[in-house]
Amino acid sequence: MEEIPYSVRRSDRARRIRVNVDAVRGVELVLPRRATEREAAAAIRELTPWIERRLSEIGRVRSIVAARGETLPYLGRVLSLIAEPGRVRVHRRGDALLVPAAAGERRAALERWYRRAARTEVGARLDAACATAGTPYSDLTIRGQRTRWASCSRAGAMSFNWRLLLAPEPVLDYVVWHEVCHLQVMDHSPRFWKLLSRYCPDYRAQAAWLRRHGGTLVL
C-alpha cells in the first residue's frame, strides 16, 4: 500500500490526535505535545480509507473548479471574468466581472466583492423571511468560515458565509430559512423540521445539494 504523505503540527490545545484533510494543506496530523511519532503513524494507518476518500473528493472538487475557466458562479448565474490592468476593485457589468489583471490581487478582490454582495443578497432575503415568520433578528454578519454555512444565536444575531453566493439561489434561500426557523426553535427537533418544511418545502433537496457540492464553493 502506498504511504500517504502528511505534515505534523503539534498543539498545546489538542487533547487527542486529529487528522485534517483539505485542498490547501493536504493531509495534516494535529498532535498533542506528548503524543509520539508511533501514535501518529498508527492514526494515519487507521484512518487511511477515510483519508483516501477525502483526497478523492478534493480531486473531484479541483476538477470542477478548474473547469470553470475564466468564469465564476453567482446564485445560479455564470459571470465571466474580464481582466483589466490597473484595476484593484471588482465591478460587475451585467454578466461580467471586471477584475484585476494581476492573479495575486484577483482572488482577494473577488472575495471582497462577494462579501459585499452577500450582505445585500442575504440581508434582503433575511428581512423578507423574518417579516413573513414574524420573528425579527438582531444583527447580520458576513463571514468566511471553513466549516459552517450560517448560524443563529439565542440573541437573534445572524451569521452567513459569503461563499453561499457561489451556490444556486434556492440553496441560499434554504439556508436563510433554516436560520430564521432557529429564531423560534433553537434545536433540530421534529418541531424545527416541521417548521422549516412549512416555509421551505424543498429543504431536503437543497440540503443534499449543499452536502454534495459544498466543497466546490470556492474561488
N, C-alpha and C. Protein backbone atom coordinates (compact mmCIF):
# COMPACT_ATOMS: atom_id res chain seq x y z
N MET A 1 0.84 -1.20 0.00
CA MET A 1 0.00 0.00 0.00
C MET A 1 0.88 1.25 0.00
N GLU A 2 0.57 2.19 -0.87
CA GLU A 2 1.36 3.42 -0.96
C GLU A 2 1.13 4.29 0.26
N GLU A 3 2.24 4.78 0.82
CA GLU A 3 2.14 5.61 2.02
C GLU A 3 1.55 6.98 1.67
N ILE A 4 0.74 7.50 2.57
CA ILE A 4 0.12 8.81 2.37
C ILE A 4 1.04 9.88 2.96
N PRO A 5 1.49 10.85 2.16
CA PRO A 5 2.32 11.92 2.72
C PRO A 5 1.47 12.83 3.61
N TYR A 6 2.06 13.27 4.71
CA TYR A 6 1.32 14.14 5.62
C TYR A 6 2.29 15.03 6.39
N SER A 7 1.77 16.16 6.87
CA SER A 7 2.55 17.05 7.72
C SER A 7 2.07 16.90 9.16
N VAL A 8 2.92 17.29 10.09
CA VAL A 8 2.60 17.16 11.52
C VAL A 8 2.65 18.53 12.17
N ARG A 9 1.62 18.81 12.93
CA ARG A 9 1.59 20.06 13.71
C ARG A 9 1.25 19.72 15.15
N ARG A 10 2.10 20.14 16.06
CA ARG A 10 1.84 19.89 17.48
C ARG A 10 1.12 21.10 18.09
N SER A 11 0.18 20.79 18.96
CA SER A 11 -0.65 21.83 19.53
C SER A 11 -0.81 21.62 21.03
N ASP A 12 -0.64 22.71 21.79
CA ASP A 12 -0.85 22.64 23.23
C ASP A 12 -2.33 22.47 23.57
N ARG A 13 -3.20 22.87 22.64
CA ARG A 13 -4.64 22.79 22.90
C ARG A 13 -5.23 21.44 22.54
N ALA A 14 -4.51 20.66 21.73
CA ALA A 14 -5.04 19.36 21.29
C ALA A 14 -5.07 18.37 22.44
N ARG A 15 -6.20 17.71 22.60
CA ARG A 15 -6.34 16.68 23.64
C ARG A 15 -6.25 15.28 23.07
N ARG A 16 -6.37 15.18 21.76
CA ARG A 16 -6.26 13.89 21.09
C ARG A 16 -5.70 14.11 19.69
N ILE A 17 -5.29 13.04 19.05
CA ILE A 17 -4.77 13.13 17.69
C ILE A 17 -5.92 13.42 16.73
N ARG A 18 -5.71 14.39 15.84
CA ARG A 18 -6.74 14.78 14.88
C ARG A 18 -6.12 14.85 13.48
N VAL A 19 -6.86 14.38 12.49
CA VAL A 19 -6.39 14.41 11.10
C VAL A 19 -7.28 15.37 10.31
N ASN A 20 -6.65 16.35 9.66
CA ASN A 20 -7.35 17.28 8.78
C ASN A 20 -6.92 17.01 7.35
N VAL A 21 -7.89 17.03 6.44
CA VAL A 21 -7.59 16.86 5.02
C VAL A 21 -8.29 17.97 4.26
N ASP A 22 -7.53 18.84 3.61
CA ASP A 22 -8.16 19.88 2.79
C ASP A 22 -7.30 20.16 1.56
N ALA A 23 -7.86 20.97 0.67
CA ALA A 23 -7.22 21.20 -0.62
C ALA A 23 -5.96 22.04 -0.51
N VAL A 24 -5.82 22.81 0.56
CA VAL A 24 -4.68 23.72 0.71
C VAL A 24 -3.50 23.05 1.39
N ARG A 25 -3.76 22.43 2.54
CA ARG A 25 -2.66 21.86 3.33
C ARG A 25 -2.47 20.37 3.12
N GLY A 26 -3.30 19.74 2.34
CA GLY A 26 -3.20 18.31 2.16
C GLY A 26 -3.61 17.57 3.42
N VAL A 27 -2.85 16.55 3.79
CA VAL A 27 -3.13 15.78 5.00
C VAL A 27 -2.29 16.34 6.13
N GLU A 28 -2.96 16.81 7.16
CA GLU A 28 -2.27 17.40 8.32
C GLU A 28 -2.66 16.62 9.57
N LEU A 29 -1.66 16.22 10.31
CA LEU A 29 -1.87 15.49 11.56
C LEU A 29 -1.62 16.45 12.72
N VAL A 30 -2.64 16.69 13.53
CA VAL A 30 -2.50 17.57 14.69
C VAL A 30 -2.30 16.70 15.92
N LEU A 31 -1.17 16.91 16.60
CA LEU A 31 -0.81 16.06 17.73
C LEU A 31 -0.76 16.83 19.03
N PRO A 32 -1.22 16.23 20.13
CA PRO A 32 -0.93 16.80 21.45
C PRO A 32 0.59 16.79 21.67
N ARG A 33 1.07 17.64 22.53
CA ARG A 33 2.51 17.76 22.73
C ARG A 33 3.17 16.44 23.11
N ARG A 34 2.48 15.61 23.88
CA ARG A 34 3.10 14.39 24.38
C ARG A 34 2.89 13.18 23.48
N ALA A 35 2.18 13.34 22.40
CA ALA A 35 1.94 12.21 21.50
C ALA A 35 3.25 11.82 20.80
N THR A 36 3.42 10.52 20.56
CA THR A 36 4.65 10.02 19.93
C THR A 36 4.45 9.89 18.42
N GLU A 37 5.58 9.80 17.71
CA GLU A 37 5.53 9.59 16.27
C GLU A 37 4.88 8.25 15.94
N ARG A 38 5.09 7.27 16.80
CA ARG A 38 4.46 5.96 16.58
C ARG A 38 2.94 6.08 16.63
N GLU A 39 2.42 6.86 17.56
CA GLU A 39 0.98 7.08 17.65
C GLU A 39 0.47 7.82 16.41
N ALA A 40 1.27 8.74 15.92
CA ALA A 40 0.88 9.48 14.73
C ALA A 40 0.77 8.55 13.53
N ALA A 41 1.77 7.70 13.34
CA ALA A 41 1.75 6.76 12.22
C ALA A 41 0.58 5.79 12.33
N ALA A 42 0.28 5.38 13.55
CA ALA A 42 -0.84 4.45 13.76
C ALA A 42 -2.17 5.12 13.39
N ALA A 43 -2.30 6.40 13.72
CA ALA A 43 -3.53 7.13 13.39
C ALA A 43 -3.71 7.22 11.88
N ILE A 44 -2.62 7.48 11.16
CA ILE A 44 -2.69 7.55 9.70
C ILE A 44 -3.10 6.20 9.12
N ARG A 45 -2.51 5.12 9.63
CA ARG A 45 -2.87 3.80 9.12
C ARG A 45 -4.34 3.49 9.37
N GLU A 46 -4.81 3.81 10.57
CA GLU A 46 -6.20 3.51 10.92
C GLU A 46 -7.19 4.30 10.06
N LEU A 47 -6.83 5.54 9.74
CA LEU A 47 -7.74 6.42 9.01
C LEU A 47 -7.49 6.45 7.50
N THR A 48 -6.62 5.57 7.02
CA THR A 48 -6.27 5.59 5.60
C THR A 48 -7.49 5.53 4.67
N PRO A 49 -8.46 4.64 4.89
CA PRO A 49 -9.62 4.61 3.97
C PRO A 49 -10.36 5.95 3.94
N TRP A 50 -10.55 6.56 5.11
CA TRP A 50 -11.23 7.86 5.16
C TRP A 50 -10.40 8.94 4.48
N ILE A 51 -9.09 8.93 4.72
CA ILE A 51 -8.20 9.92 4.11
C ILE A 51 -8.24 9.80 2.59
N GLU A 52 -8.21 8.58 2.09
CA GLU A 52 -8.23 8.38 0.64
C GLU A 52 -9.54 8.86 0.04
N ARG A 53 -10.65 8.66 0.74
CA ARG A 53 -11.93 9.16 0.24
C ARG A 53 -11.93 10.69 0.20
N ARG A 54 -11.37 11.31 1.25
CA ARG A 54 -11.32 12.77 1.28
C ARG A 54 -10.42 13.31 0.18
N LEU A 55 -9.28 12.68 -0.07
CA LEU A 55 -8.38 13.12 -1.13
C LEU A 55 -9.04 12.96 -2.50
N SER A 56 -9.82 11.89 -2.67
CA SER A 56 -10.54 11.70 -3.92
C SER A 56 -11.57 12.79 -4.12
N GLU A 57 -12.27 13.16 -3.04
CA GLU A 57 -13.26 14.23 -3.12
C GLU A 57 -12.60 15.56 -3.44
N ILE A 58 -11.44 15.81 -2.84
CA ILE A 58 -10.72 17.05 -3.13
C ILE A 58 -10.31 17.10 -4.60
N GLY A 59 -9.89 15.95 -5.14
CA GLY A 59 -9.55 15.90 -6.55
C GLY A 59 -10.75 16.21 -7.43
N ARG A 60 -11.94 15.69 -7.03
CA ARG A 60 -13.16 15.99 -7.78
C ARG A 60 -13.48 17.48 -7.74
N VAL A 61 -13.33 18.07 -6.55
CA VAL A 61 -13.60 19.50 -6.40
C VAL A 61 -12.65 20.32 -7.24
N ARG A 62 -11.38 19.98 -7.23
CA ARG A 62 -10.41 20.73 -8.02
C ARG A 62 -10.72 20.66 -9.50
N SER A 63 -11.18 19.50 -9.96
CA SER A 63 -11.53 19.35 -11.37
C SER A 63 -12.71 20.24 -11.74
N ILE A 64 -13.71 20.29 -10.86
CA ILE A 64 -14.89 21.12 -11.12
C ILE A 64 -14.50 22.59 -11.14
N VAL A 65 -13.69 23.02 -10.18
CA VAL A 65 -13.27 24.42 -10.12
C VAL A 65 -12.41 24.78 -11.33
N ALA A 66 -11.51 23.88 -11.73
CA ALA A 66 -10.65 24.16 -12.88
C ALA A 66 -11.46 24.27 -14.17
N ALA A 67 -12.56 23.51 -14.24
CA ALA A 67 -13.38 23.52 -15.46
C ALA A 67 -14.13 24.83 -15.66
N ARG A 68 -14.18 25.66 -14.64
CA ARG A 68 -14.86 26.96 -14.79
C ARG A 68 -14.15 27.87 -15.77
N GLY A 69 -12.85 27.72 -15.86
CA GLY A 69 -12.09 28.64 -16.70
C GLY A 69 -12.14 30.04 -16.14
N GLU A 70 -12.39 31.02 -16.99
CA GLU A 70 -12.46 32.42 -16.57
C GLU A 70 -13.90 32.82 -16.27
N THR A 71 -14.56 32.03 -15.44
CA THR A 71 -15.93 32.34 -15.01
C THR A 71 -16.08 32.00 -13.53
N LEU A 72 -17.13 32.53 -12.93
CA LEU A 72 -17.47 32.20 -11.54
C LEU A 72 -18.99 32.10 -11.43
N PRO A 73 -19.49 31.19 -10.58
CA PRO A 73 -20.93 31.11 -10.37
C PRO A 73 -21.40 32.20 -9.40
N TYR A 74 -22.65 32.62 -9.59
CA TYR A 74 -23.25 33.61 -8.70
C TYR A 74 -24.75 33.33 -8.63
N LEU A 75 -25.17 32.63 -7.59
CA LEU A 75 -26.58 32.31 -7.37
C LEU A 75 -27.23 31.71 -8.62
N GLY A 76 -26.51 30.79 -9.25
CA GLY A 76 -27.06 30.10 -10.40
C GLY A 76 -26.70 30.71 -11.73
N ARG A 77 -26.19 31.92 -11.74
CA ARG A 77 -25.74 32.55 -12.99
C ARG A 77 -24.25 32.29 -13.17
N VAL A 78 -23.78 32.47 -14.38
CA VAL A 78 -22.36 32.33 -14.68
C VAL A 78 -21.83 33.69 -15.08
N LEU A 79 -20.87 34.19 -14.30
CA LEU A 79 -20.29 35.51 -14.56
C LEU A 79 -18.90 35.34 -15.19
N SER A 80 -18.67 36.00 -16.30
CA SER A 80 -17.37 35.95 -16.97
C SER A 80 -16.41 36.93 -16.31
N LEU A 81 -15.16 36.51 -16.17
CA LEU A 81 -14.13 37.37 -15.58
C LEU A 81 -13.37 38.08 -16.69
N ILE A 82 -13.34 39.40 -16.61
CA ILE A 82 -12.63 40.20 -17.60
C ILE A 82 -11.53 40.97 -16.88
N ALA A 83 -10.29 40.64 -17.18
CA ALA A 83 -9.15 41.27 -16.51
C ALA A 83 -8.87 42.64 -17.10
N GLU A 84 -8.64 43.61 -16.21
CA GLU A 84 -8.32 44.97 -16.64
C GLU A 84 -7.06 45.43 -15.90
N PRO A 85 -5.98 45.71 -16.63
CA PRO A 85 -4.74 46.19 -16.00
C PRO A 85 -5.01 47.45 -15.18
N GLY A 86 -4.44 47.49 -13.99
CA GLY A 86 -4.58 48.65 -13.13
C GLY A 86 -5.80 48.62 -12.23
N ARG A 87 -6.72 47.73 -12.50
CA ARG A 87 -7.92 47.66 -11.66
C ARG A 87 -7.59 47.00 -10.33
N VAL A 88 -8.14 47.53 -9.23
CA VAL A 88 -7.91 46.94 -7.91
C VAL A 88 -9.22 46.50 -7.26
N ARG A 89 -10.34 46.96 -7.77
CA ARG A 89 -11.65 46.67 -7.19
C ARG A 89 -12.53 45.99 -8.23
N VAL A 90 -13.19 44.91 -7.83
CA VAL A 90 -14.06 44.18 -8.77
C VAL A 90 -15.35 44.97 -8.99
N HIS A 91 -15.78 44.99 -10.25
CA HIS A 91 -17.03 45.67 -10.60
C HIS A 91 -17.84 44.76 -11.52
N ARG A 92 -19.13 44.65 -11.23
CA ARG A 92 -19.99 43.82 -12.08
C ARG A 92 -20.64 44.67 -13.16
N ARG A 93 -20.61 44.16 -14.39
CA ARG A 93 -21.27 44.81 -15.51
C ARG A 93 -22.09 43.72 -16.23
N GLY A 94 -23.38 43.67 -15.92
CA GLY A 94 -24.21 42.61 -16.49
C GLY A 94 -23.78 41.25 -15.98
N ASP A 95 -23.44 40.35 -16.90
CA ASP A 95 -22.96 39.03 -16.53
C ASP A 95 -21.45 38.93 -16.61
N ALA A 96 -20.78 40.06 -16.43
CA ALA A 96 -19.32 40.09 -16.43
C ALA A 96 -18.81 40.73 -15.15
N LEU A 97 -17.69 40.22 -14.66
CA LEU A 97 -17.00 40.82 -13.53
C LEU A 97 -15.68 41.39 -14.03
N LEU A 98 -15.50 42.70 -13.88
CA LEU A 98 -14.24 43.34 -14.23
C LEU A 98 -13.31 43.16 -13.04
N VAL A 99 -12.18 42.49 -13.26
CA VAL A 99 -11.31 42.08 -12.15
C VAL A 99 -9.88 42.55 -12.40
N PRO A 100 -9.06 42.61 -11.32
CA PRO A 100 -7.65 42.96 -11.51
C PRO A 100 -6.95 41.97 -12.44
N ALA A 101 -6.02 42.47 -13.24
CA ALA A 101 -5.29 41.59 -14.15
C ALA A 101 -4.28 40.73 -13.42
N ALA A 102 -3.72 41.25 -12.32
CA ALA A 102 -2.71 40.50 -11.57
C ALA A 102 -3.37 39.38 -10.78
N ALA A 103 -2.94 38.15 -11.04
CA ALA A 103 -3.54 36.99 -10.38
C ALA A 103 -3.42 37.08 -8.86
N GLY A 104 -2.31 37.66 -8.40
CA GLY A 104 -2.10 37.76 -6.96
C GLY A 104 -3.09 38.68 -6.27
N GLU A 105 -3.63 39.64 -7.00
CA GLU A 105 -4.60 40.57 -6.43
C GLU A 105 -6.04 40.14 -6.67
N ARG A 106 -6.24 39.29 -7.66
CA ARG A 106 -7.60 38.98 -8.10
C ARG A 106 -8.41 38.24 -7.05
N ARG A 107 -7.85 37.21 -6.45
CA ARG A 107 -8.62 36.40 -5.51
C ARG A 107 -9.11 37.23 -4.32
N ALA A 108 -8.23 38.05 -3.74
CA ALA A 108 -8.62 38.87 -2.59
C ALA A 108 -9.68 39.89 -3.00
N ALA A 109 -9.53 40.47 -4.19
CA ALA A 109 -10.51 41.45 -4.67
C ALA A 109 -11.87 40.79 -4.91
N LEU A 110 -11.84 39.57 -5.46
CA LEU A 110 -13.09 38.85 -5.69
C LEU A 110 -13.78 38.49 -4.38
N GLU A 111 -13.01 38.07 -3.40
CA GLU A 111 -13.62 37.75 -2.10
C GLU A 111 -14.26 38.99 -1.49
N ARG A 112 -13.59 40.13 -1.57
CA ARG A 112 -14.18 41.36 -1.04
C ARG A 112 -15.49 41.68 -1.75
N TRP A 113 -15.52 41.47 -3.08
CA TRP A 113 -16.74 41.76 -3.83
C TRP A 113 -17.86 40.82 -3.43
N TYR A 114 -17.56 39.53 -3.30
CA TYR A 114 -18.58 38.56 -2.90
C TYR A 114 -19.07 38.84 -1.48
N ARG A 115 -18.20 39.26 -0.62
CA ARG A 115 -18.63 39.61 0.75
C ARG A 115 -19.61 40.78 0.73
N ARG A 116 -19.30 41.80 -0.06
CA ARG A 116 -20.21 42.94 -0.16
C ARG A 116 -21.55 42.52 -0.76
N ALA A 117 -21.48 41.72 -1.79
CA ALA A 117 -22.71 41.25 -2.43
C ALA A 117 -23.51 40.37 -1.48
N ALA A 118 -22.83 39.58 -0.66
CA ALA A 118 -23.53 38.69 0.27
C ALA A 118 -24.34 39.49 1.28
N ARG A 119 -23.81 40.60 1.73
CA ARG A 119 -24.57 41.41 2.69
C ARG A 119 -25.88 41.89 2.06
N THR A 120 -25.83 42.26 0.78
CA THR A 120 -27.05 42.71 0.11
C THR A 120 -28.01 41.55 -0.14
N GLU A 121 -27.49 40.45 -0.71
CA GLU A 121 -28.33 39.31 -1.07
C GLU A 121 -28.93 38.64 0.17
N VAL A 122 -28.09 38.40 1.16
CA VAL A 122 -28.58 37.75 2.38
C VAL A 122 -29.51 38.68 3.14
N GLY A 123 -29.10 39.95 3.26
CA GLY A 123 -29.91 40.91 4.02
C GLY A 123 -31.33 41.02 3.51
N ALA A 124 -31.49 41.11 2.18
CA ALA A 124 -32.83 41.23 1.60
C ALA A 124 -33.66 39.99 1.88
N ARG A 125 -33.07 38.81 1.74
CA ARG A 125 -33.79 37.57 1.98
C ARG A 125 -34.11 37.40 3.46
N LEU A 126 -33.19 37.78 4.30
CA LEU A 126 -33.39 37.65 5.74
C LEU A 126 -34.50 38.58 6.21
N ASP A 127 -34.51 39.80 5.72
CA ASP A 127 -35.57 40.74 6.09
C ASP A 127 -36.94 40.21 5.67
N ALA A 128 -37.01 39.69 4.44
CA ALA A 128 -38.29 39.20 3.92
C ALA A 128 -38.75 37.96 4.70
N ALA A 129 -37.83 37.05 4.98
CA ALA A 129 -38.19 35.82 5.69
C ALA A 129 -38.63 36.13 7.12
N CYS A 130 -37.94 37.03 7.79
CA CYS A 130 -38.30 37.38 9.16
C CYS A 130 -39.65 38.10 9.20
N ALA A 131 -39.93 38.91 8.19
CA ALA A 131 -41.22 39.58 8.14
C ALA A 131 -42.34 38.56 7.96
N THR A 132 -42.10 37.55 7.14
CA THR A 132 -43.10 36.50 6.92
C THR A 132 -43.31 35.67 8.18
N ALA A 133 -42.20 35.32 8.84
CA ALA A 133 -42.29 34.46 10.03
C ALA A 133 -42.67 35.24 11.28
N GLY A 134 -42.53 36.56 11.24
CA GLY A 134 -42.83 37.37 12.42
C GLY A 134 -41.82 37.22 13.53
N THR A 135 -40.56 36.97 13.15
CA THR A 135 -39.50 36.78 14.14
C THR A 135 -38.29 37.64 13.75
N PRO A 136 -38.12 38.80 14.33
CA PRO A 136 -37.02 39.69 13.96
C PRO A 136 -35.66 39.16 14.43
N TYR A 137 -34.62 39.52 13.68
CA TYR A 137 -33.25 39.19 14.09
C TYR A 137 -32.59 40.46 14.61
N SER A 138 -31.45 40.31 15.28
CA SER A 138 -30.81 41.47 15.92
C SER A 138 -29.62 42.01 15.14
N ASP A 139 -28.95 41.15 14.38
CA ASP A 139 -27.72 41.60 13.71
C ASP A 139 -27.38 40.62 12.59
N LEU A 140 -26.66 41.10 11.59
CA LEU A 140 -26.22 40.27 10.47
C LEU A 140 -24.73 40.46 10.26
N THR A 141 -24.01 39.34 10.23
CA THR A 141 -22.57 39.34 9.97
C THR A 141 -22.28 38.43 8.79
N ILE A 142 -21.41 38.86 7.89
CA ILE A 142 -20.96 38.03 6.78
C ILE A 142 -19.55 37.54 7.09
N ARG A 143 -19.37 36.24 7.04
CA ARG A 143 -18.06 35.66 7.39
C ARG A 143 -17.60 34.69 6.31
N GLY A 144 -16.45 34.09 6.56
CA GLY A 144 -15.90 33.12 5.62
C GLY A 144 -15.45 31.86 6.33
N GLN A 145 -16.32 31.30 7.17
CA GLN A 145 -15.98 30.11 7.93
C GLN A 145 -15.65 28.94 7.00
N ARG A 146 -14.77 28.08 7.45
CA ARG A 146 -14.38 26.94 6.63
C ARG A 146 -15.39 25.80 6.74
N THR A 147 -16.07 25.68 7.86
CA THR A 147 -16.90 24.50 8.08
C THR A 147 -18.36 24.82 8.40
N ARG A 148 -18.73 26.08 8.42
CA ARG A 148 -20.11 26.43 8.78
C ARG A 148 -20.67 27.39 7.75
N TRP A 149 -21.92 27.12 7.34
CA TRP A 149 -22.56 27.97 6.35
C TRP A 149 -23.31 29.14 6.97
N ALA A 150 -23.83 28.95 8.17
CA ALA A 150 -24.58 30.02 8.82
C ALA A 150 -24.81 29.65 10.27
N SER A 151 -25.22 30.64 11.06
CA SER A 151 -25.54 30.38 12.46
C SER A 151 -26.51 31.44 12.96
N CYS A 152 -27.21 31.09 14.03
CA CYS A 152 -28.16 31.99 14.68
C CYS A 152 -27.98 31.88 16.18
N SER A 153 -27.69 32.99 16.84
CA SER A 153 -27.51 32.97 18.29
C SER A 153 -28.85 33.12 18.99
N ARG A 154 -28.86 32.82 20.26
CA ARG A 154 -30.10 32.96 21.04
C ARG A 154 -30.55 34.42 21.11
N ALA A 155 -29.61 35.34 20.92
CA ALA A 155 -29.96 36.76 20.93
C ALA A 155 -30.47 37.24 19.56
N GLY A 156 -30.50 36.32 18.59
CA GLY A 156 -31.00 36.69 17.27
C GLY A 156 -29.95 37.22 16.32
N ALA A 157 -28.67 37.06 16.66
CA ALA A 157 -27.59 37.51 15.78
C ALA A 157 -27.36 36.46 14.70
N MET A 158 -27.38 36.90 13.46
CA MET A 158 -27.24 36.00 12.32
C MET A 158 -25.86 36.12 11.69
N SER A 159 -25.31 34.99 11.27
CA SER A 159 -24.03 34.96 10.57
C SER A 159 -24.16 34.07 9.36
N PHE A 160 -23.71 34.56 8.20
CA PHE A 160 -23.79 33.78 6.97
C PHE A 160 -22.44 33.78 6.25
N ASN A 161 -22.15 32.67 5.60
CA ASN A 161 -20.91 32.52 4.84
C ASN A 161 -21.07 33.12 3.45
N TRP A 162 -20.18 34.00 3.06
CA TRP A 162 -20.27 34.66 1.76
C TRP A 162 -20.21 33.66 0.61
N ARG A 163 -19.60 32.49 0.84
CA ARG A 163 -19.45 31.51 -0.23
C ARG A 163 -20.78 30.91 -0.68
N LEU A 164 -21.85 31.16 0.09
CA LEU A 164 -23.17 30.70 -0.34
C LEU A 164 -23.60 31.36 -1.65
N LEU A 165 -23.00 32.50 -1.99
CA LEU A 165 -23.36 33.16 -3.24
C LEU A 165 -22.82 32.40 -4.45
N LEU A 166 -21.91 31.44 -4.21
CA LEU A 166 -21.41 30.60 -5.29
C LEU A 166 -22.35 29.43 -5.57
N ALA A 167 -23.36 29.26 -4.73
CA ALA A 167 -24.33 28.18 -4.87
C ALA A 167 -25.55 28.66 -5.65
N PRO A 168 -26.40 27.74 -6.13
CA PRO A 168 -27.66 28.16 -6.75
C PRO A 168 -28.54 28.93 -5.76
N GLU A 169 -29.38 29.80 -6.27
CA GLU A 169 -30.20 30.65 -5.43
C GLU A 169 -31.08 29.88 -4.45
N PRO A 170 -31.71 28.75 -4.84
CA PRO A 170 -32.54 28.02 -3.87
C PRO A 170 -31.76 27.51 -2.66
N VAL A 171 -30.46 27.27 -2.84
CA VAL A 171 -29.64 26.83 -1.70
C VAL A 171 -29.50 27.95 -0.68
N LEU A 172 -29.22 29.16 -1.16
CA LEU A 172 -29.13 30.31 -0.25
C LEU A 172 -30.48 30.53 0.45
N ASP A 173 -31.57 30.43 -0.30
CA ASP A 173 -32.89 30.62 0.29
C ASP A 173 -33.13 29.60 1.41
N TYR A 174 -32.72 28.36 1.16
CA TYR A 174 -32.88 27.32 2.19
C TYR A 174 -32.09 27.65 3.44
N VAL A 175 -30.84 28.07 3.28
CA VAL A 175 -30.01 28.36 4.45
C VAL A 175 -30.59 29.53 5.24
N VAL A 176 -31.10 30.54 4.54
CA VAL A 176 -31.73 31.67 5.22
C VAL A 176 -32.92 31.18 6.04
N TRP A 177 -33.77 30.38 5.44
CA TRP A 177 -34.95 29.89 6.17
C TRP A 177 -34.55 28.98 7.33
N HIS A 178 -33.49 28.21 7.14
CA HIS A 178 -33.01 27.35 8.22
C HIS A 178 -32.69 28.19 9.47
N GLU A 179 -31.96 29.29 9.25
CA GLU A 179 -31.58 30.12 10.39
C GLU A 179 -32.77 30.91 10.94
N VAL A 180 -33.68 31.36 10.08
CA VAL A 180 -34.85 32.08 10.55
C VAL A 180 -35.72 31.17 11.42
N CYS A 181 -35.82 29.91 11.06
CA CYS A 181 -36.59 28.97 11.88
C CYS A 181 -35.94 28.76 13.24
N HIS A 182 -34.61 28.93 13.31
CA HIS A 182 -33.94 28.82 14.61
C HIS A 182 -34.30 29.98 15.55
N LEU A 183 -34.84 31.05 15.01
CA LEU A 183 -35.30 32.13 15.88
C LEU A 183 -36.47 31.67 16.74
N GLN A 184 -37.19 30.65 16.26
CA GLN A 184 -38.30 30.10 17.03
C GLN A 184 -37.92 28.82 17.75
N VAL A 185 -37.12 27.98 17.08
CA VAL A 185 -36.73 26.69 17.66
C VAL A 185 -35.22 26.56 17.51
N MET A 186 -34.49 26.61 18.62
CA MET A 186 -33.03 26.64 18.55
C MET A 186 -32.40 25.28 18.27
N ASP A 187 -33.13 24.21 18.48
CA ASP A 187 -32.56 22.88 18.26
C ASP A 187 -33.01 22.32 16.91
N HIS A 188 -32.66 21.06 16.66
CA HIS A 188 -33.08 20.38 15.44
C HIS A 188 -34.07 19.27 15.78
N SER A 189 -35.02 19.60 16.60
CA SER A 189 -36.07 18.67 17.00
C SER A 189 -37.07 18.51 15.86
N PRO A 190 -37.96 17.52 15.96
CA PRO A 190 -39.03 17.38 14.94
C PRO A 190 -39.83 18.67 14.75
N ARG A 191 -39.99 19.43 15.81
CA ARG A 191 -40.72 20.70 15.71
C ARG A 191 -40.00 21.65 14.77
N PHE A 192 -38.67 21.67 14.84
CA PHE A 192 -37.90 22.54 13.97
C PHE A 192 -38.08 22.14 12.51
N TRP A 193 -37.91 20.85 12.20
CA TRP A 193 -38.01 20.40 10.82
C TRP A 193 -39.41 20.60 10.26
N LYS A 194 -40.42 20.46 11.10
CA LYS A 194 -41.79 20.72 10.65
C LYS A 194 -41.96 22.19 10.29
N LEU A 195 -41.38 23.07 11.11
CA LEU A 195 -41.46 24.50 10.83
C LEU A 195 -40.72 24.84 9.55
N LEU A 196 -39.52 24.27 9.37
CA LEU A 196 -38.73 24.53 8.17
C LEU A 196 -39.46 24.05 6.92
N SER A 197 -40.08 22.88 6.99
CA SER A 197 -40.79 22.35 5.83
C SER A 197 -41.99 23.22 5.47
N ARG A 198 -42.52 23.94 6.42
CA ARG A 198 -43.64 24.85 6.16
C ARG A 198 -43.18 26.03 5.29
N TYR A 199 -42.02 26.58 5.60
CA TYR A 199 -41.53 27.74 4.88
C TYR A 199 -40.66 27.38 3.67
N CYS A 200 -40.02 26.22 3.73
CA CYS A 200 -39.11 25.80 2.65
C CYS A 200 -39.37 24.33 2.34
N PRO A 201 -40.45 24.03 1.60
CA PRO A 201 -40.86 22.64 1.38
C PRO A 201 -39.79 21.75 0.75
N ASP A 202 -38.89 22.33 -0.06
CA ASP A 202 -37.87 21.51 -0.73
C ASP A 202 -36.53 21.55 0.00
N TYR A 203 -36.56 21.79 1.31
CA TYR A 203 -35.29 21.96 2.04
C TYR A 203 -34.40 20.73 1.95
N ARG A 204 -34.98 19.54 1.87
CA ARG A 204 -34.16 18.32 1.81
C ARG A 204 -33.29 18.31 0.56
N ALA A 205 -33.87 18.70 -0.57
CA ALA A 205 -33.11 18.72 -1.82
C ALA A 205 -31.98 19.74 -1.76
N GLN A 206 -32.25 20.90 -1.17
CA GLN A 206 -31.22 21.95 -1.08
C GLN A 206 -30.11 21.55 -0.11
N ALA A 207 -30.51 20.94 1.00
CA ALA A 207 -29.50 20.48 1.97
C ALA A 207 -28.62 19.39 1.36
N ALA A 208 -29.22 18.51 0.57
CA ALA A 208 -28.46 17.46 -0.08
C ALA A 208 -27.48 18.05 -1.09
N TRP A 209 -27.92 19.07 -1.83
CA TRP A 209 -27.01 19.73 -2.79
C TRP A 209 -25.82 20.32 -2.05
N LEU A 210 -26.08 20.95 -0.92
CA LEU A 210 -25.00 21.60 -0.19
C LEU A 210 -24.02 20.58 0.38
N ARG A 211 -24.53 19.45 0.85
CA ARG A 211 -23.64 18.40 1.33
C ARG A 211 -22.77 17.85 0.21
N ARG A 212 -23.36 17.70 -0.96
CA ARG A 212 -22.65 17.10 -2.09
C ARG A 212 -21.67 18.08 -2.72
N HIS A 213 -22.07 19.33 -2.86
CA HIS A 213 -21.28 20.28 -3.65
C HIS A 213 -20.67 21.42 -2.83
N GLY A 214 -20.85 21.39 -1.52
CA GLY A 214 -20.33 22.48 -0.70
C GLY A 214 -18.85 22.72 -0.88
N GLY A 215 -18.10 21.65 -1.10
CA GLY A 215 -16.64 21.80 -1.28
C GLY A 215 -16.26 22.56 -2.52
N THR A 216 -17.17 22.67 -3.49
CA THR A 216 -16.85 23.38 -4.73
C THR A 216 -17.12 24.88 -4.62
N LEU A 217 -17.66 25.32 -3.49
CA LEU A 217 -17.99 26.75 -3.33
C LEU A 217 -16.75 27.52 -2.89
N VAL A 218 -15.80 27.59 -3.79
CA VAL A 218 -14.54 28.30 -3.54
C VAL A 218 -14.19 29.10 -4.79
N LEU A 219 -13.36 30.12 -4.60
CA LEU A 219 -12.92 30.94 -5.74
C LEU A 219 -11.79 30.25 -6.49
